[in-house]
C-alpha atoms as a PDB file:
ATOM      1  CA  MET A   1      11.946  -9.094  22.408  1.00  0.00           C
ATOM      2  CA  TYR A   2      10.239 -12.473  22.485  1.00  0.00           C
ATOM      3  CA  ASP A   3      10.105 -12.316  26.278  1.00  0.00           C
ATOM      4  CA  ARG A   4       8.350  -8.945  25.978  1.00  0.00           C
ATOM      5  CA  LEU A   5       5.909 -10.404  23.445  1.00  0.00           C
ATOM      6  CA  VAL A   6       5.034 -13.324  25.732  1.00  0.00           C
ATOM      7  CA  THR A   7       4.519 -10.935  28.668  1.00  0.00           C
ATOM      8  CA  TYR A   8       2.280  -8.647  26.600  1.00  0.00           C
ATOM      9  CA  VAL A   9       0.141 -11.526  25.314  1.00  0.00           C
ATOM     10  CA  GLU A  10      -0.282 -13.052  28.765  1.00  0.00           C
ATOM     11  CA  LYS A  11      -1.145  -9.694  30.374  1.00  0.00           C
ATOM     12  CA  ASN A  12      -3.912  -9.330  27.817  1.00  0.00           C
ATOM     13  CA  GLY A  13      -5.455 -12.720  28.549  1.00  0.00           C
ATOM     14  CA  GLY A  14      -3.765 -14.781  25.853  1.00  0.00           C
ATOM     15  CA  GLN A  15      -1.294 -17.614  25.800  1.00  0.00           C
ATOM     16  CA  MET A  16       1.557 -18.173  23.348  1.00  0.00           C
ATOM     17  CA  PHE A  17       1.551 -21.538  21.579  1.00  0.00           C
ATOM     18  CA  THR A  18       5.363 -21.390  21.751  1.00  0.00           C
ATOM     19  CA  ASN A  19       6.590 -20.216  25.167  1.00  0.00           C
ATOM     20  CA  LEU A  20       9.899 -18.441  25.790  1.00  0.00           C
ATOM     21  CA  SER A  21      11.930 -21.522  26.718  1.00  0.00           C
ATOM     22  CA  GLU A  22      10.689 -23.400  23.624  1.00  0.00           C
ATOM     23  CA  TYR A  23      11.534 -20.442  21.401  1.00  0.00           C
ATOM     24  CA  GLU A  24      15.048 -20.134  22.803  1.00  0.00           C
ATOM     25  CA  TYR A  25      15.596 -23.893  22.628  1.00  0.00           C
ATOM     26  CA  THR A  26      15.214 -24.041  18.842  1.00  0.00           C
ATOM     27  CA  HIS A  27      16.369 -20.497  18.018  1.00  0.00           C
ATOM     28  CA  LEU A  28      19.801 -20.639  19.702  1.00  0.00           C
ATOM     29  CA  ILE A  29      22.192 -23.286  18.399  1.00  0.00           C
ATOM     30  CA  PRO A  30      23.930 -24.234  21.714  1.00  0.00           C
ATOM     31  CA  ASN A  31      20.555 -25.260  23.157  1.00  0.00           C
ATOM     32  CA  TRP A  32      19.569 -27.869  20.592  1.00  0.00           C
ATOM     33  CA  VAL A  33      22.921 -29.356  19.520  1.00  0.00           C
ATOM     34  CA  LYS A  34      23.321 -30.913  22.957  1.00  0.00           C
ATOM     35  CA  ASP A  35      20.266 -33.126  22.473  1.00  0.00           C
ATOM     36  CA  ASN A  36      20.766 -34.579  19.006  1.00  0.00           C
ATOM     37  CA  SER A  37      23.721 -36.608  17.795  1.00  0.00           C
ATOM     38  CA  ASN A  38      22.873 -36.418  14.072  1.00  0.00           C
ATOM     39  CA  HIS A  39      24.324 -32.966  13.515  1.00  0.00           C
ATOM     40  CA  VAL A  40      27.586 -31.370  12.455  1.00  0.00           C
ATOM     41  CA  LYS A  41      30.327 -31.118  15.127  1.00  0.00           C
ATOM     42  CA  THR A  42      29.716 -27.745  16.774  1.00  0.00           C
ATOM     43  CA  LYS A  43      31.582 -25.718  19.425  1.00  0.00           C
ATOM     44  CA  TRP A  44      31.052 -22.182  20.656  1.00  0.00           C
ATOM     45  CA  THR A  45      32.326 -19.387  22.890  1.00  0.00           C
ATOM     46  CA  ILE A  46      30.913 -16.133  24.208  1.00  0.00           C
ATOM     47  CA  ASP A  47      34.456 -14.814  24.749  1.00  0.00           C
ATOM     48  CA  LEU A  48      35.416 -13.116  21.479  1.00  0.00           C
ATOM     49  CA  SER A  49      39.053 -12.485  22.355  1.00  0.00           C
ATOM     50  CA  ASP A  50      41.665 -13.894  19.974  1.00  0.00           C
ATOM     51  CA  LYS A  51      42.967 -16.144  22.751  1.00  0.00           C
ATOM     52  CA  SER A  52      39.562 -17.737  23.251  1.00  0.00           C
ATOM     53  CA  ILE A  53      38.937 -18.036  19.509  1.00  0.00           C
ATOM     54  CA  ILE A  54      42.297 -19.713  18.863  1.00  0.00           C
ATOM     55  CA  LYS A  55      41.625 -22.182  21.667  1.00  0.00           C
ATOM     56  CA  LEU A  56      38.287 -23.042  20.031  1.00  0.00           C
ATOM     57  CA  LEU A  57      39.899 -23.443  16.616  1.00  0.00           C
ATOM     58  CA  GLU A  58      42.306 -25.985  18.106  1.00  0.00           C
ATOM     59  CA  GLU A  59      39.358 -28.351  18.675  1.00  0.00           C
ATOM     60  CA  PHE A  60      38.981 -28.770  14.901  1.00  0.00           C
ATOM     61  CA  ASN A  61      40.968 -30.056  11.950  1.00  0.00           C
ATOM     62  CA  GLY A  62      40.684 -28.949   8.347  1.00  0.00           C
ATOM     63  CA  ALA A  63      37.814 -26.802   7.100  1.00  0.00           C
ATOM     64  CA  VAL A  64      35.146 -25.171   9.262  1.00  0.00           C
ATOM     65  CA  THR A  65      32.349 -22.619   9.002  1.00  0.00           C
ATOM     66  CA  ILE A  66      31.358 -19.897  11.458  1.00  0.00           C
ATOM     67  CA  LYS A  67      28.196 -18.192  12.654  1.00  0.00           C
ATOM     68  CA  ASP A  68      26.762 -16.653  15.806  1.00  0.00           C
ATOM     69  CA  PHE A  69      24.110 -18.406  17.919  1.00  0.00           C
ATOM     70  CA  VAL A  70      21.484 -17.755  15.206  1.00  0.00           C
ATOM     71  CA  LYS A  71      22.856 -16.443  11.909  1.00  0.00           C
ATOM     72  CA  SER A  72      25.756 -16.919   9.530  1.00  0.00           C
ATOM     73  CA  ARG A  73      27.017 -14.810   6.660  1.00  0.00           C
ATOM     74  CA  LYS A  74      27.215 -17.719   4.223  1.00  0.00           C
ATOM     75  CA  TYR A  75      26.643 -15.464   1.235  1.00  0.00           C
ATOM     76  CA  GLU A  76      30.007 -13.875   2.064  1.00  0.00           C
ATOM     77  CA  TRP A  77      31.592 -17.306   1.750  1.00  0.00           C
ATOM     78  CA  ASP A  78      35.331 -16.610   1.663  1.00  0.00           C
ATOM     79  CA  GLU A  79      35.224 -13.361   3.588  1.00  0.00           C
ATOM     80  CA  ALA A  80      33.070 -14.088   6.634  1.00  0.00           C
ATOM     81  CA  PHE A  81      31.901 -17.714   6.659  1.00  0.00           C
ATOM     82  CA  TYR A  82      34.251 -20.427   5.361  1.00  0.00           C
ATOM     83  CA  ILE A  83      37.702 -21.234   6.761  1.00  0.00           C
ATOM     84  CA  PRO A  84      39.465 -23.842   4.562  1.00  0.00           C
ATOM     85  CA  ASP A  85      42.080 -24.837   7.160  1.00  0.00           C
ATOM     86  CA  VAL A  86      42.004 -23.996  10.869  1.00  0.00           C
ATOM     87  CA  SER A  87      45.777 -24.470  11.085  1.00  0.00           C
ATOM     88  CA  ASP A  88      46.158 -21.249   9.092  1.00  0.00           C
ATOM     89  CA  THR A  89      45.481 -19.105  12.142  1.00  0.00           C
ATOM     90  CA  LYS A  90      46.078 -15.801  10.367  1.00  0.00           C
ATOM     91  CA  ASN A  91      43.424 -16.460   7.729  1.00  0.00           C
ATOM     92  CA  ALA A  92      41.045 -18.000  10.279  1.00  0.00           C
ATOM     93  CA  LEU A  93      41.202 -14.885  12.443  1.00  0.00           C
ATOM     94  CA  ARG A  94      40.748 -12.692   9.364  1.00  0.00           C
ATOM     95  CA  VAL A  95      37.497 -14.462   8.460  1.00  0.00           C
ATOM     96  CA  ILE A  96      36.264 -14.466  12.062  1.00  0.00           C
ATOM     97  CA  HIS A  97      37.096 -10.787  12.595  1.00  0.00           C
ATOM     98  CA  ASN A  98      35.239  -9.974   9.382  1.00  0.00           C
ATOM     99  CA  PHE A  99      32.230 -11.907  10.610  1.00  0.00           C
ATOM    100  CA  ILE A 100      32.171 -10.271  14.043  1.00  0.00           C
ATOM    101  CA  SER A 101      32.645  -6.802  12.584  1.00  0.00           C
ATOM    102  CA  ARG A 102      29.963  -7.212   9.929  1.00  0.00           C
ATOM    103  CA  GLN A 103      27.455  -8.692  12.356  1.00  0.00           C
ATOM    104  CA  GLY A 104      28.011  -5.690  14.586  1.00  0.00           C
ATOM    105  CA  SER A 105      25.177  -5.074  17.031  1.00  0.00           C
ATOM    106  CA  GLU A 106      23.192  -7.916  15.439  1.00  0.00           C
ATOM    107  CA  LEU A 107      25.654 -10.577  16.647  1.00  0.00           C
ATOM    108  CA  ILE A 108      23.756 -12.887  18.984  1.00  0.00           C
ATOM    109  CA  GLY A 109      25.300 -14.910  21.815  1.00  0.00           C
ATOM    110  CA  GLY A 110      28.845 -15.456  20.626  1.00  0.00           C
ATOM    111  CA  LEU A 111      30.904 -17.305  18.033  1.00  0.00           C
ATOM    112  CA  VAL A 112      30.006 -20.791  16.784  1.00  0.00           C
ATOM    113  CA  ILE A 113      32.478 -22.939  14.845  1.00  0.00           C
ATOM    114  CA  ARG A 114      31.285 -26.009  12.929  1.00  0.00           C
ATOM    115  CA  ASP A 115      32.973 -28.738  10.940  1.00  0.00           C
ATOM    116  CA  PHE A 116      32.688 -28.242   7.197  1.00  0.00           C
ATOM    117  CA  ILE A 117      31.459 -31.552   5.863  1.00  0.00           C
ATOM    118  CA  GLU A 118      31.291 -32.675   2.261  1.00  0.00           C
ATOM    119  CA  LEU A 119      27.744 -32.166   1.013  1.00  0.00           C
ATOM    120  CA  LYS A 120      26.049 -32.907  -2.299  1.00  0.00           C
ATOM    121  CA  ASN A 121      26.589 -29.748  -4.347  1.00  0.00           C
ATOM    122  CA  ILE A 122      23.691 -28.764  -6.609  1.00  0.00           C
ATOM    123  CA  GLY A 123      25.058 -25.497  -8.035  1.00  0.00           C
ATOM    124  CA  LYS A 124      25.708 -21.885  -7.109  1.00  0.00           C
ATOM    125  CA  HIS A 125      23.501 -19.185  -5.655  1.00  0.00           C
ATOM    126  CA  PRO A 126      22.368 -16.917  -8.526  1.00  0.00           C
ATOM    127  CA  LYS A 127      23.263 -13.688  -6.699  1.00  0.00           C
ATOM    128  CA  SER A 128      26.195 -14.430  -4.397  1.00  0.00           C
ATOM    129  CA  HIS A 129      27.601 -17.293  -6.524  1.00  0.00           C
ATOM    130  CA  THR A 130      28.338 -19.226  -3.344  1.00  0.00           C
ATOM    131  CA  PRO A 131      27.851 -23.021  -3.448  1.00  0.00           C
ATOM    132  CA  ILE A 132      24.453 -24.461  -2.592  1.00  0.00           C
ATOM    133  CA  PHE A 133      23.730 -28.014  -1.504  1.00  0.00           C
ATOM    134  CA  GLU A 134      20.838 -30.458  -1.446  1.00  0.00           C
ATOM    135  CA  GLU A 135      18.866 -29.376   1.605  1.00  0.00           C
ATOM    136  CA  TYR A 136      15.386 -29.855   3.012  1.00  0.00           C
ATOM    137  CA  ARG A 137      13.481 -27.776   5.549  1.00  0.00           C
ATOM    138  CA  VAL A 138      10.985 -29.709   7.624  1.00  0.00           C
ATOM    139  CA  PHE A 139       8.370 -27.916   9.720  1.00  0.00           C
ATOM    140  CA  TYR A 140       7.224 -29.906  12.737  1.00  0.00           C
ATOM    141  CA  ILE A 141       4.247 -29.716  15.062  1.00  0.00           C
ATOM    142  CA  GLY A 142       5.477 -31.581  18.133  1.00  0.00           C
ATOM    143  CA  ASN A 143       7.240 -34.654  16.752  1.00  0.00           C
ATOM    144  CA  LYS A 144       5.084 -34.787  13.607  1.00  0.00           C
ATOM    145  CA  PRO A 145       6.387 -33.429  10.276  1.00  0.00           C
ATOM    146  CA  LEU A 146       3.998 -30.778   8.975  1.00  0.00           C
ATOM    147  CA  VAL A 147       5.642 -30.256   5.578  1.00  0.00           C
ATOM    148  CA  VAL A 148       8.934 -31.115   3.864  1.00  0.00           C
ATOM    149  CA  ILE A 149      10.286 -28.362   1.602  1.00  0.00           C
ATOM    150  CA  ASP A 150      13.089 -28.549  -0.936  1.00  0.00           C
ATOM    151  CA  TYR A 151      15.195 -25.659   0.396  1.00  0.00           C
ATOM    152  CA  TRP A 152      16.416 -24.321  -2.952  1.00  0.00           C
ATOM    153  CA  ASN A 153      14.216 -25.534  -5.780  1.00  0.00           C
ATOM    154  CA  ASN A 154      10.781 -26.363  -4.340  1.00  0.00           C
ATOM    155  CA  ARG A 155      10.793 -29.351  -6.692  1.00  0.00           C
ATOM    156  CA  LYS A 156       8.967 -32.636  -6.242  1.00  0.00           C
ATOM    157  CA  ILE A 157      10.666 -34.456  -3.393  1.00  0.00           C
ATOM    158  CA  ASN A 158      11.652 -38.112  -3.580  1.00  0.00           C
ATOM    159  CA  LEU A 159      12.976 -39.333  -0.255  1.00  0.00           C
ATOM    160  CA  SER A 160      14.204 -42.828   0.486  1.00  0.00           C
ATOM    161  CA  THR A 161      12.899 -44.950   3.337  1.00  0.00           C
ATOM    162  CA  GLU A 162      16.119 -44.168   5.234  1.00  0.00           C
ATOM    163  CA  ASP A 163      15.641 -40.422   4.638  1.00  0.00           C
ATOM    164  CA  LYS A 164      12.102 -40.574   5.998  1.00  0.00           C
ATOM    165  CA  LYS A 165      13.290 -42.445   9.080  1.00  0.00           C
ATOM    166  CA  VAL A 166      15.923 -39.762   9.771  1.00  0.00           C
ATOM    167  CA  ILE A 167      13.246 -37.063   9.453  1.00  0.00           C
ATOM    168  CA  MET A 168      10.836 -38.937  11.720  1.00  0.00           C
ATOM    169  CA  ASP A 169      13.475 -39.742  14.370  1.00  0.00           C
ATOM    170  CA  ALA A 170      15.126 -36.301  14.508  1.00  0.00           C
ATOM    171  CA  PRO A 171      12.599 -34.520  16.783  1.00  0.00           C
ATOM    172  CA  LYS A 172      12.514 -37.102  19.579  1.00  0.00           C
ATOM    173  CA  GLU A 173      14.450 -34.908  22.016  1.00  0.00           C
ATOM    174  CA  VAL A 174      13.209 -31.500  20.833  1.00  0.00           C
ATOM    175  CA  LYS A 175      11.700 -29.413  23.614  1.00  0.00           C
ATOM    176  CA  ALA A 176       9.287 -27.364  21.512  1.00  0.00           C
ATOM    177  CA  LYS A 177       5.916 -27.612  19.762  1.00  0.00           C
ATOM    178  CA  PHE A 178       6.471 -25.696  16.481  1.00  0.00           C
ATOM    179  CA  TYR A 179       9.907 -25.624  14.873  1.00  0.00           C
ATOM    180  CA  THR A 180      11.992 -26.418  11.814  1.00  0.00           C
ATOM    181  CA  ILE A 181      14.900 -28.751  11.175  1.00  0.00           C
ATOM    182  CA  ASP A 182      17.078 -28.243   8.099  1.00  0.00           C
ATOM    183  CA  PHE A 183      18.641 -31.424   6.705  1.00  0.00           C
ATOM    184  CA  ALA A 184      21.453 -31.565   4.136  1.00  0.00           C
ATOM    185  CA  ARG A 185      22.586 -34.448   1.959  1.00  0.00           C
ATOM    186  CA  LYS A 186      26.158 -35.538   2.660  1.00  0.00           C
ATOM    187  CA  SER A 187      28.357 -36.675  -0.206  1.00  0.00           C
ATOM    188  CA  ASN A 188      27.861 -40.259   1.018  1.00  0.00           C
ATOM    189  CA  GLY A 189      24.096 -39.897   0.478  1.00  0.00           C
ATOM    190  CA  LYS A 190      23.022 -39.680   4.130  1.00  0.00           C
ATOM    191  CA  LEU A 191      21.021 -36.806   5.614  1.00  0.00           C
ATOM    192  CA  VAL A 192      22.495 -34.768   8.453  1.00  0.00           C
ATOM    193  CA  ILE A 193      20.938 -32.044  10.613  1.00  0.00           C
ATOM    194  CA  MET A 194      22.382 -28.665   9.662  1.00  0.00           C
ATOM    195  CA  GLU A 195      20.144 -26.252  11.544  1.00  0.00           C
ATOM    196  CA  MET A 196      17.145 -25.995  13.801  1.00  0.00           C
ATOM    197  CA  GLY A 197      14.872 -23.002  14.143  1.00  0.00           C
ATOM    198  CA  ASP A 198      11.682 -21.684  15.664  1.00  0.00           C
ATOM    199  CA  GLY A 199       8.767 -22.302  13.301  1.00  0.00           C
ATOM    200  CA  GLN A 200       7.491 -18.741  13.635  1.00  0.00           C
ATOM    201  CA  VAL A 201      10.636 -17.143  12.193  1.00  0.00           C
ATOM    202  CA  SER A 202      11.644 -19.750   9.589  1.00  0.00           C
ATOM    203  CA  GLY A 203      10.988 -19.011   5.922  1.00  0.00           C
ATOM    204  CA  ILE A 204       8.844 -21.371   3.834  1.00  0.00           C
ATOM    205  CA  GLN A 205      11.306 -21.149   0.916  1.00  0.00           C
ATOM    206  CA  GLY A 206       8.806 -20.612  -1.905  1.00  0.00           C
ATOM    207  CA  PHE A 207       6.341 -23.262  -0.714  1.00  0.00           C
ATOM    208  CA  ASP A 208       2.699 -22.410  -1.520  1.00  0.00           C
ATOM    209  CA  GLU A 209       1.576 -20.053   1.257  1.00  0.00           C
ATOM    210  CA  GLN A 210      -2.101 -21.017   1.253  1.00  0.00           C
ATOM    211  CA  GLU A 211      -1.286 -24.725   1.426  1.00  0.00           C
ATOM    212  CA  PHE A 212       1.204 -24.122   4.231  1.00  0.00           C
ATOM    213  CA  TYR A 213      -1.185 -22.126   6.400  1.00  0.00           C
ATOM    214  CA  ASP A 214      -4.070 -24.510   5.741  1.00  0.00           C
ATOM    215  CA  LEU A 215      -1.880 -27.368   6.976  1.00  0.00           C
ATOM    216  CA  LEU A 216      -0.700 -25.308   9.932  1.00  0.00           C
ATOM    217  CA  TRP A 217      -4.240 -24.358  10.967  1.00  0.00           C
ATOM    218  CA  GLU A 218      -5.427 -27.947  10.672  1.00  0.00           C
ATOM    219  CA  ASN A 219      -2.575 -29.280  12.794  1.00  0.00           C
ATOM    220  CA  LEU A 220      -2.757 -26.501  15.373  1.00  0.00           C
ATOM    221  CA  SER A 221      -6.461 -27.237  15.771  1.00  0.00           C
ATOM    222  CA  GLU A 222      -5.690 -30.925  16.315  1.00  0.00           C
ATOM    223  CA  SER A 223      -3.039 -30.085  18.924  1.00  0.00           C
ATOM    224  CA  ARG A 224      -5.597 -28.160  20.987  1.00  0.00           C
ATOM    225  CA  THR A 225      -8.141 -30.977  21.134  1.00  0.00           C
END
């Protein structure tokens, strides 16, 4: 669909700020994990047979989470997202089959398995009652942070010098102009990259809309000059 959008815009004399390759780079997890070491161990397969899935599970120890190339079902924590022990193949396949079935035609790319790492827990989601962790969503224009958003509470943010360095260093290898990086706080206090996304399809998580778009317009204008 994005390819069709780019084609339509260009045929009508326009030019997308984010081209197709940039969109796919940040939107699809296998593309960006290869270029940044500060992320959770991640493996994937497009072969959804049990044989292929079991082989992928064997690359991990302990707890993992699952998703496709774009989305997870983290609000269905025990049923279609979290696997407490990969050595329990029966339960692992149950969770993965649930995920694949429930994604249905919306499953994108294939299956992604990621290490479950200990994060700083800040409570439970009010609707799904699944655990939530200290996370930040950073919108970038090029390698410059546009805005840092507290993912869950939109509270005043106090980041350490080390945190700010992680946020500033993270986009060095990113092949896009407008995107997001989601950081989570590990139990040891350090930030780790959890997700990356295209800036056009990433939510602003309750951040003031007018302020966000004023900042975006200002920075887009600067990028054109």
